[in-house]
């Protein structure tokens, strides 16, 4: 098993689906949710304008990085992800993160600001409580297998199509457990709010994240802040993809004018 740090700055591993985007004027880095991978964003590119270069970030332990050990602590993840993004900061950039990806994207944006004095032009956080609230949530990473899977099903972390296959469910739950442990290792540190616009999204029927927890992201925004709720649960983005991407594209169009 390969440790994450050994391949930390290999761009082809961290962003496996990069395509030429000669008309791009802005880079949108996308961070996937727990248990998922960068492929969750592969259908997004055709729905975004040509001036937006979508870069889906891939964490170890899944898809093209299956032979690597997944992170279980967030600090080394943020260190390595920030280094991986550094060569791609030659344009204005924005960040989108769904669920766990929102927490990772938030901290990567803060690290880029501290380390490279670069600020995002927009931040999009989806289906995750504001960073300052995360450390107060209940720990579930160490639950017994059956209880952990039950909780993952309840929160819609495991797609319905995989529940009929016990081997797939078991494999996914192992990745999920590592990702959840990573999130639960997070300790919030005070820092300056972002000057750029911050947009937050969530599902109206999400049992895992409340509207108030989403609204609390406003504390991290000194600029404009918008909260939008879509029909659906924690995975609302699957059924509301077109509406979500239209919203993101409209927001980013103001940044590339």
C-alpha atoms as a PDB file:
ATOM      1  CA  UNK A   1       0.000   0.000   0.000  1.00  0.00           C
ATOM      2  CA  UNK A   2       1.415   3.383  -1.038  1.00  0.00           C
ATOM      3  CA  UNK A   3       1.290   6.189   1.491  1.00  0.00           C
ATOM      4  CA  UNK A   4      -0.361   9.440   0.286  1.00  0.00           C
ATOM      5  CA  UNK A   5       2.671  11.653   0.866  1.00  0.00           C
ATOM      6  CA  UNK A   6       4.814   9.557  -1.492  1.00  0.00           C
ATOM      7  CA  UNK A   7       2.761  10.724  -4.507  1.00  0.00           C
ATOM      8  CA  UNK A   8       1.509  14.005  -3.139  1.00  0.00           C
ATOM      9  CA  UNK A   9       2.505  16.352  -5.946  1.00  0.00           C
ATOM     10  CA  UNK A  10       1.855  14.148  -8.994  1.00  0.00           C
ATOM     11  CA  UNK A  11      -0.697  16.273 -10.836  1.00  0.00           C
ATOM     12  CA  UNK A  12      -1.914  13.387 -13.003  1.00  0.00           C
ATOM     13  CA  UNK A  13      -2.984  11.571  -9.842  1.00  0.00           C
ATOM     14  CA  UNK A  14      -4.547  14.549  -8.080  1.00  0.00           C
ATOM     15  CA  UNK A  15      -6.414  15.797 -11.171  1.00  0.00           C
ATOM     16  CA  UNK A  16      -6.845  12.789 -13.474  1.00  0.00           C
ATOM     17  CA  UNK A  17      -9.526  14.184 -15.773  1.00  0.00           C
ATOM     18  CA  UNK A  18      -7.869  17.415 -16.892  1.00  0.00           C
ATOM     19  CA  UNK A  19      -8.597  18.422 -20.479  1.00  0.00           C
ATOM     20  CA  UNK A  20      -7.224  21.200 -22.629  1.00  0.00           C
ATOM     21  CA  UNK A  21      -9.202  24.396 -22.043  1.00  0.00           C
ATOM     22  CA  UNK A  22      -7.609  27.037 -24.293  1.00  0.00           C
ATOM     23  CA  UNK A  23     -10.459  29.524 -23.792  1.00  0.00           C
ATOM     24  CA  UNK A  24     -10.401  29.219 -19.992  1.00  0.00           C
ATOM     25  CA  UNK A  25     -10.072  32.403 -17.990  1.00  0.00           C
ATOM     26  CA  UNK A  26     -10.827  30.866 -14.589  1.00  0.00           C
ATOM     27  CA  UNK A  27     -10.123  27.522 -12.875  1.00  0.00           C
ATOM     28  CA  UNK A  28     -12.798  25.786 -10.805  1.00  0.00           C
ATOM     29  CA  UNK A  29     -11.305  23.221  -8.410  1.00  0.00           C
ATOM     30  CA  UNK A  30     -13.898  20.638  -7.297  1.00  0.00           C
ATOM     31  CA  UNK A  31     -13.525  18.452  -4.186  1.00  0.00           C
ATOM     32  CA  UNK A  32     -15.592  15.288  -3.968  1.00  0.00           C
ATOM     33  CA  UNK A  33     -17.589  13.977  -1.027  1.00  0.00           C
ATOM     34  CA  UNK A  34     -16.633  11.170   1.364  1.00  0.00           C
ATOM     35  CA  UNK A  35     -16.656   7.725  -0.227  1.00  0.00           C
ATOM     36  CA  UNK A  36     -16.696   9.190  -3.721  1.00  0.00           C
ATOM     37  CA  UNK A  37     -14.055  10.345  -6.185  1.00  0.00           C
ATOM     38  CA  UNK A  38     -13.266  12.890  -8.845  1.00  0.00           C
ATOM     39  CA  UNK A  39     -15.466  11.042 -11.346  1.00  0.00           C
ATOM     40  CA  UNK A  40     -18.528  12.561  -9.681  1.00  0.00           C
ATOM     41  CA  UNK A  41     -17.667  15.757 -11.599  1.00  0.00           C
ATOM     42  CA  UNK A  42     -17.011  14.205 -15.038  1.00  0.00           C
ATOM     43  CA  UNK A  43     -20.511  15.041 -16.288  1.00  0.00           C
ATOM     44  CA  UNK A  44     -20.198  18.669 -15.190  1.00  0.00           C
ATOM     45  CA  UNK A  45     -17.820  19.965 -17.851  1.00  0.00           C
ATOM     46  CA  UNK A  46     -20.300  20.099 -20.774  1.00  0.00           C
ATOM     47  CA  UNK A  47     -22.659  22.181 -18.630  1.00  0.00           C
ATOM     48  CA  UNK A  48     -20.133  24.913 -17.857  1.00  0.00           C
ATOM     49  CA  UNK A  49     -19.014  27.694 -20.206  1.00  0.00           C
ATOM     50  CA  UNK A  50     -15.712  27.353 -22.059  1.00  0.00           C
ATOM     51  CA  UNK A  51     -14.052  30.096 -20.001  1.00  0.00           C
ATOM     52  CA  UNK A  52     -14.246  27.873 -16.883  1.00  0.00           C
ATOM     53  CA  UNK A  53     -11.569  25.178 -16.597  1.00  0.00           C
ATOM     54  CA  UNK A  54     -12.966  22.482 -14.301  1.00  0.00           C
ATOM     55  CA  UNK A  55     -10.336  20.572 -12.301  1.00  0.00           C
ATOM     56  CA  UNK A  56     -11.747  17.660 -10.297  1.00  0.00           C
ATOM     57  CA  UNK A  57      -9.423  16.829  -7.398  1.00  0.00           C
ATOM     58  CA  UNK A  58      -8.864  13.156  -6.602  1.00  0.00           C
ATOM     59  CA  UNK A  59      -7.955  12.008  -3.088  1.00  0.00           C
ATOM     60  CA  UNK A  60      -6.001   8.755  -2.510  1.00  0.00           C
ATOM     61  CA  UNK A  61      -7.728   5.439  -1.843  1.00  0.00           C
ATOM     62  CA  UNK A  62     -10.222   5.410  -4.746  1.00  0.00           C
ATOM     63  CA  UNK A  63     -10.577   5.182  -8.527  1.00  0.00           C
ATOM     64  CA  UNK A  64      -7.196   5.839 -10.190  1.00  0.00           C
ATOM     65  CA  UNK A  65      -5.609   6.053  -6.708  1.00  0.00           C
ATOM     66  CA  UNK A  66      -7.093   2.839  -5.320  1.00  0.00           C
ATOM     67  CA  UNK A  67      -3.700   1.354  -4.425  1.00  0.00           C
ATOM     68  CA  UNK A  68      -2.820   4.304  -2.220  1.00  0.00           C
ATOM     69  CA  UNK A  69      -3.783   4.496   1.420  1.00  0.00           C
ATOM     70  CA  UNK A  70      -6.621   6.916   2.112  1.00  0.00           C
ATOM     71  CA  UNK A  71      -6.029   9.751   4.547  1.00  0.00           C
ATOM     72  CA  UNK A  72      -7.448   9.440   8.042  1.00  0.00           C
ATOM     73  CA  UNK A  73      -6.240  12.840   9.306  1.00  0.00           C
ATOM     74  CA  UNK A  74      -7.008  16.127   7.682  1.00  0.00           C
ATOM     75  CA  UNK A  75      -3.765  18.078   8.191  1.00  0.00           C
ATOM     76  CA  UNK A  76      -1.579  15.998   5.831  1.00  0.00           C
ATOM     77  CA  UNK A  77      -4.445  15.972   3.329  1.00  0.00           C
ATOM     78  CA  UNK A  78      -4.590  19.776   3.300  1.00  0.00           C
ATOM     79  CA  UNK A  79      -0.791  20.015   3.049  1.00  0.00           C
ATOM     80  CA  UNK A  80      -0.611  17.674   0.065  1.00  0.00           C
ATOM     81  CA  UNK A  81      -3.690  18.986  -1.736  1.00  0.00           C
ATOM     82  CA  UNK A  82      -2.421  22.555  -1.482  1.00  0.00           C
ATOM     83  CA  UNK A  83       0.921  21.547  -2.991  1.00  0.00           C
ATOM     84  CA  UNK A  84      -0.871  19.682  -5.790  1.00  0.00           C
ATOM     85  CA  UNK A  85      -2.925  22.764  -6.683  1.00  0.00           C
ATOM     86  CA  UNK A  86      -0.012  25.196  -6.602  1.00  0.00           C
ATOM     87  CA  UNK A  87       1.059  24.729 -10.274  1.00  0.00           C
ATOM     88  CA  UNK A  88      -2.537  25.375 -11.363  1.00  0.00           C
ATOM     89  CA  UNK A  89      -2.938  28.758  -9.687  1.00  0.00           C
ATOM     90  CA  UNK A  90      -1.832  30.705 -12.755  1.00  0.00           C
ATOM     91  CA  UNK A  91      -5.408  31.907 -13.363  1.00  0.00           C
ATOM     92  CA  UNK A  92      -8.109  33.305 -11.094  1.00  0.00           C
ATOM     93  CA  UNK A  93      -9.632  30.343  -9.293  1.00  0.00           C
ATOM     94  CA  UNK A  94     -12.769  29.254  -7.477  1.00  0.00           C
ATOM     95  CA  UNK A  95     -13.439  26.217  -5.303  1.00  0.00           C
ATOM     96  CA  UNK A  96     -16.475  23.931  -5.046  1.00  0.00           C
ATOM     97  CA  UNK A  97     -16.741  21.219  -2.414  1.00  0.00           C
ATOM     98  CA  UNK A  98     -19.587  18.834  -1.677  1.00  0.00           C
ATOM     99  CA  UNK A  99     -19.977  17.395   1.846  1.00  0.00           C
ATOM    100  CA  UNK A 100     -16.475  16.370   2.992  1.00  0.00           C
ATOM    101  CA  UNK A 101     -15.210  18.227  -0.064  1.00  0.00           C
ATOM    102  CA  UNK A 102     -16.593  21.470   1.367  1.00  0.00           C
ATOM    103  CA  UNK A 103     -14.446  21.117   4.482  1.00  0.00           C
ATOM    104  CA  UNK A 104     -11.364  20.173   2.444  1.00  0.00           C
ATOM    105  CA  UNK A 105     -11.963  22.985  -0.055  1.00  0.00           C
ATOM    106  CA  UNK A 106     -12.427  25.498   2.752  1.00  0.00           C
ATOM    107  CA  UNK A 107      -9.137  24.616   4.393  1.00  0.00           C
ATOM    108  CA  UNK A 108      -7.246  24.396   1.091  1.00  0.00           C
ATOM    109  CA  UNK A 109      -8.478  27.903   0.223  1.00  0.00           C
ATOM    110  CA  UNK A 110      -7.249  29.156   3.598  1.00  0.00           C
ATOM    111  CA  UNK A 111      -3.871  27.442   3.135  1.00  0.00           C
ATOM    112  CA  UNK A 112      -3.441  28.870  -0.379  1.00  0.00           C
ATOM    113  CA  UNK A 113      -4.170  32.318   1.014  1.00  0.00           C
ATOM    114  CA  UNK A 114      -1.599  31.937   3.785  1.00  0.00           C
ATOM    115  CA  UNK A 115       1.102  30.179   1.777  1.00  0.00           C
ATOM    116  CA  UNK A 116       0.840  31.785  -1.659  1.00  0.00           C
ATOM    117  CA  UNK A 117      -1.065  35.033  -0.987  1.00  0.00           C
ATOM    118  CA  UNK A 118      -3.683  34.043  -3.548  1.00  0.00           C
ATOM    119  CA  UNK A 119      -7.391  34.554  -2.883  1.00  0.00           C
ATOM    120  CA  UNK A 120     -10.224  32.687  -4.610  1.00  0.00           C
ATOM    121  CA  UNK A 121     -12.697  34.675  -6.669  1.00  0.00           C
ATOM    122  CA  UNK A 122     -15.605  32.569  -5.361  1.00  0.00           C
ATOM    123  CA  UNK A 123     -16.193  29.748  -2.878  1.00  0.00           C
ATOM    124  CA  UNK A 124     -19.003  27.187  -3.172  1.00  0.00           C
ATOM    125  CA  UNK A 125     -19.743  24.968  -0.173  1.00  0.00           C
ATOM    126  CA  UNK A 126     -22.348  22.212  -0.461  1.00  0.00           C
ATOM    127  CA  UNK A 127     -24.073  19.957   2.104  1.00  0.00           C
ATOM    128  CA  UNK A 128     -21.664  20.455   5.006  1.00  0.00           C
ATOM    129  CA  UNK A 129     -21.791  22.444   8.246  1.00  0.00           C
ATOM    130  CA  UNK A 130     -19.697  25.605   8.500  1.00  0.00           C
ATOM    131  CA  UNK A 131     -16.096  24.940   9.500  1.00  0.00           C
ATOM    132  CA  UNK A 132     -16.430  26.496  12.944  1.00  0.00           C
ATOM    133  CA  UNK A 133     -19.205  23.995  13.821  1.00  0.00           C
ATOM    134  CA  UNK A 134     -17.589  20.758  12.644  1.00  0.00           C
ATOM    135  CA  UNK A 135     -15.647  19.868  15.787  1.00  0.00           C
ATOM    136  CA  UNK A 136     -18.831  19.789  17.848  1.00  0.00           C
ATOM    137  CA  UNK A 137     -20.540  17.046  15.822  1.00  0.00           C
ATOM    138  CA  UNK A 138     -20.949  13.452  16.982  1.00  0.00           C
ATOM    139  CA  UNK A 139     -18.154  10.989  16.176  1.00  0.00           C
ATOM    140  CA  UNK A 140     -19.178   7.946  14.109  1.00  0.00           C
ATOM    141  CA  UNK A 141     -15.928   6.812  12.450  1.00  0.00           C
ATOM    142  CA  UNK A 142     -15.302   4.191  15.154  1.00  0.00           C
ATOM    143  CA  UNK A 143     -18.775   2.647  15.162  1.00  0.00           C
ATOM    144  CA  UNK A 144     -19.012  -1.132  14.556  1.00  0.00           C
ATOM    145  CA  UNK A 145     -19.384  -2.066  10.890  1.00  0.00           C
ATOM    146  CA  UNK A 146     -23.138  -2.667  10.893  1.00  0.00           C
ATOM    147  CA  UNK A 147     -23.870   0.539  12.793  1.00  0.00           C
ATOM    148  CA  UNK A 148     -21.549   2.556  10.575  1.00  0.00           C
ATOM    149  CA  UNK A 149     -23.180   1.253   7.375  1.00  0.00           C
ATOM    150  CA  UNK A 150     -26.656   1.888   8.828  1.00  0.00           C
ATOM    151  CA  UNK A 151     -25.679   5.472   9.574  1.00  0.00           C
ATOM    152  CA  UNK A 152     -24.174   5.896   6.098  1.00  0.00           C
ATOM    153  CA  UNK A 153     -27.393   4.624   4.503  1.00  0.00           C
ATOM    154  CA  UNK A 154     -29.502   6.909   6.680  1.00  0.00           C
ATOM    155  CA  UNK A 155     -27.472   9.940   5.605  1.00  0.00           C
ATOM    156  CA  UNK A 156     -27.555   8.879   1.916  1.00  0.00           C
ATOM    157  CA  UNK A 157     -23.787   8.464   1.754  1.00  0.00           C
ATOM    158  CA  UNK A 158     -24.128   5.117  -0.061  1.00  0.00           C
ATOM    159  CA  UNK A 159     -25.971   5.211  -3.407  1.00  0.00           C
ATOM    160  CA  UNK A 160     -29.073   3.020  -3.532  1.00  0.00           C
ATOM    161  CA  UNK A 161     -27.752   1.150  -6.583  1.00  0.00           C
ATOM    162  CA  UNK A 162     -24.818  -0.206  -4.542  1.00  0.00           C
ATOM    163  CA  UNK A 163     -26.832  -1.459  -1.576  1.00  0.00           C
ATOM    164  CA  UNK A 164     -27.817  -4.655  -3.416  1.00  0.00           C
ATOM    165  CA  UNK A 165     -24.169  -5.650  -3.776  1.00  0.00           C
ATOM    166  CA  UNK A 166     -22.644  -6.535  -0.391  1.00  0.00           C
ATOM    167  CA  UNK A 167     -19.055  -6.487  -1.711  1.00  0.00           C
ATOM    168  CA  UNK A 168     -19.458  -2.991  -3.172  1.00  0.00           C
ATOM    169  CA  UNK A 169     -21.161  -1.783  -0.004  1.00  0.00           C
ATOM    170  CA  UNK A 170     -18.326  -3.189   2.136  1.00  0.00           C
ATOM    171  CA  UNK A 171     -15.621  -1.675  -0.089  1.00  0.00           C
ATOM    172  CA  UNK A 172     -17.322   1.706  -0.129  1.00  0.00           C
ATOM    173  CA  UNK A 173     -17.875   1.668   3.630  1.00  0.00           C
ATOM    174  CA  UNK A 174     -14.122   1.185   4.164  1.00  0.00           C
ATOM    175  CA  UNK A 175     -13.352   4.300   2.112  1.00  0.00           C
ATOM    176  CA  UNK A 176     -16.171   6.137   3.854  1.00  0.00           C
ATOM    177  CA  UNK A 177     -14.820   5.241   7.283  1.00  0.00           C
ATOM    178  CA  UNK A 178     -11.386   6.642   6.418  1.00  0.00           C
ATOM    179  CA  UNK A 179     -12.947   9.803   5.000  1.00  0.00           C
ATOM    180  CA  UNK A 180     -15.209  10.266   8.010  1.00  0.00           C
ATOM    181  CA  UNK A 181     -12.220   9.776  10.336  1.00  0.00           C
ATOM    182  CA  UNK A 182     -10.427  12.468   8.338  1.00  0.00           C
ATOM    183  CA  UNK A 183     -13.295  14.895   8.864  1.00  0.00           C
ATOM    184  CA  UNK A 184     -13.529  14.034  12.544  1.00  0.00           C
ATOM    185  CA  UNK A 185      -9.824  14.800  13.041  1.00  0.00           C
ATOM    186  CA  UNK A 186     -10.507  18.400  12.062  1.00  0.00           C
ATOM    187  CA  UNK A 187      -9.888  21.132  14.616  1.00  0.00           C
ATOM    188  CA  UNK A 188     -11.096  24.573  13.622  1.00  0.00           C
ATOM    189  CA  UNK A 189      -8.701  27.497  13.938  1.00  0.00           C
ATOM    190  CA  UNK A 190      -9.809  31.124  13.743  1.00  0.00           C
ATOM    191  CA  UNK A 191      -8.750  33.028  10.643  1.00  0.00           C
ATOM    192  CA  UNK A 192      -9.919  35.998   8.619  1.00  0.00           C
ATOM    193  CA  UNK A 193     -13.182  35.606   6.673  1.00  0.00           C
ATOM    194  CA  UNK A 194     -12.927  35.530   2.889  1.00  0.00           C
ATOM    195  CA  UNK A 195     -13.384  38.715   0.922  1.00  0.00           C
ATOM    196  CA  UNK A 196     -14.720  36.856  -2.125  1.00  0.00           C
ATOM    197  CA  UNK A 197     -18.387  35.865  -2.564  1.00  0.00           C
ATOM    198  CA  UNK A 198     -19.398  32.671  -0.768  1.00  0.00           C
ATOM    199  CA  UNK A 199     -22.293  30.543  -2.037  1.00  0.00           C
ATOM    200  CA  UNK A 200     -23.688  27.658   0.006  1.00  0.00           C
ATOM    201  CA  UNK A 201     -25.993  24.907  -1.253  1.00  0.00           C
ATOM    202  CA  UNK A 202     -27.975  22.157   0.407  1.00  0.00           C
ATOM    203  CA  UNK A 203     -30.911  19.779   0.111  1.00  0.00           C
ATOM    204  CA  UNK A 204     -34.294  20.603   1.611  1.00  0.00           C
ATOM    205  CA  UNK A 205     -34.674  17.015   2.874  1.00  0.00           C
ATOM    206  CA  UNK A 206     -31.105  16.568   4.148  1.00  0.00           C
ATOM    207  CA  UNK A 207     -31.166  14.717   7.496  1.00  0.00           C
ATOM    208  CA  UNK A 208     -27.444  15.215   8.028  1.00  0.00           C
ATOM    209  CA  UNK A 209     -26.988  18.964   7.625  1.00  0.00           C
ATOM    210  CA  UNK A 210     -29.494  21.549   8.814  1.00  0.00           C
ATOM    211  CA  UNK A 211     -30.288  24.913   7.272  1.00  0.00           C
ATOM    212  CA  UNK A 212     -28.808  26.665  10.309  1.00  0.00           C
ATOM    213  CA  UNK A 213     -25.529  24.746   9.913  1.00  0.00           C
ATOM    214  CA  UNK A 214     -25.355  25.848   6.283  1.00  0.00           C
ATOM    215  CA  UNK A 215     -26.274  29.422   7.138  1.00  0.00           C
ATOM    216  CA  UNK A 216     -23.392  29.514   9.633  1.00  0.00           C
ATOM    217  CA  UNK A 217     -20.963  29.647   6.682  1.00  0.00           C
ATOM    218  CA  UNK A 218     -21.828  33.347   6.577  1.00  0.00           C
ATOM    219  CA  UNK A 219     -19.326  33.843   9.405  1.00  0.00           C
ATOM    220  CA  UNK A 220     -16.596  32.912   6.915  1.00  0.00           C
ATOM    221  CA  UNK A 221     -17.663  35.556   4.384  1.00  0.00           C
ATOM    222  CA  UNK A 222     -16.792  39.222   4.562  1.00  0.00           C
ATOM    223  CA  UNK A 223     -18.088  39.697   1.017  1.00  0.00           C
ATOM    224  CA  UNK A 224     -21.452  38.633  -0.364  1.00  0.00           C
ATOM    225  CA  UNK A 225     -23.114  35.469   0.907  1.00  0.00           C
ATOM    226  CA  UNK A 226     -25.935  33.407  -0.591  1.00  0.00           C
ATOM    227  CA  UNK A 227     -27.658  30.250   0.638  1.00  0.00           C
ATOM    228  CA  UNK A 228     -29.704  28.183  -1.810  1.00  0.00           C
ATOM    229  CA  UNK A 229     -31.642  25.024  -0.960  1.00  0.00           C
ATOM    230  CA  UNK A 230     -32.645  22.530  -3.642  1.00  0.00           C
ATOM    231  CA  UNK A 231     -35.205  19.714  -3.568  1.00  0.00           C
ATOM    232  CA  UNK A 232     -33.617  16.507  -2.315  1.00  0.00           C
ATOM    233  CA  UNK A 233     -31.493  14.996   0.445  1.00  0.00           C
ATOM    234  CA  UNK A 234     -27.763  15.052   1.165  1.00  0.00           C
ATOM    235  CA  UNK A 235     -27.147  14.022  -2.452  1.00  0.00           C
ATOM    236  CA  UNK A 236     -29.467  16.639  -3.951  1.00  0.00           C
ATOM    237  CA  UNK A 237     -26.776  17.522  -6.504  1.00  0.00           C
ATOM    238  CA  UNK A 238     -27.476  14.336  -8.468  1.00  0.00           C
ATOM    239  CA  UNK A 239     -31.083  15.158  -9.312  1.00  0.00           C
ATOM    240  CA  UNK A 240     -30.589  18.931  -9.404  1.00  0.00           C
ATOM    241  CA  UNK A 241     -27.324  18.921 -11.349  1.00  0.00           C
ATOM    242  CA  UNK A 242     -28.467  21.221 -14.148  1.00  0.00           C
ATOM    243  CA  UNK A 243     -29.961  23.786 -11.769  1.00  0.00           C
ATOM    244  CA  UNK A 244     -26.887  23.677  -9.563  1.00  0.00           C
ATOM    245  CA  UNK A 245     -24.473  24.110 -12.466  1.00  0.00           C
ATOM    246  CA  UNK A 246     -26.545  26.925 -13.952  1.00  0.00           C
ATOM    247  CA  UNK A 247     -26.272  28.706 -10.614  1.00  0.00           C
ATOM    248  CA  UNK A 248     -22.505  28.133 -10.377  1.00  0.00           C
ATOM    249  CA  UNK A 249     -21.958  29.244 -13.979  1.00  0.00           C
ATOM    250  CA  UNK A 250     -23.996  32.412 -13.454  1.00  0.00           C
ATOM    251  CA  UNK A 251     -22.030  33.299 -10.327  1.00  0.00           C
ATOM    252  CA  UNK A 252     -18.670  32.659 -11.975  1.00  0.00           C
ATOM    253  CA  UNK A 253     -19.572  34.581 -15.119  1.00  0.00           C
ATOM    254  CA  UNK A 254     -19.374  37.729 -13.024  1.00  0.00           C
ATOM    255  CA  UNK A 255     -15.802  36.835 -12.075  1.00  0.00           C
ATOM    256  CA  UNK A 256     -14.534  36.421 -15.653  1.00  0.00           C
ATOM    257  CA  UNK A 257     -16.043  39.561 -17.175  1.00  0.00           C
END
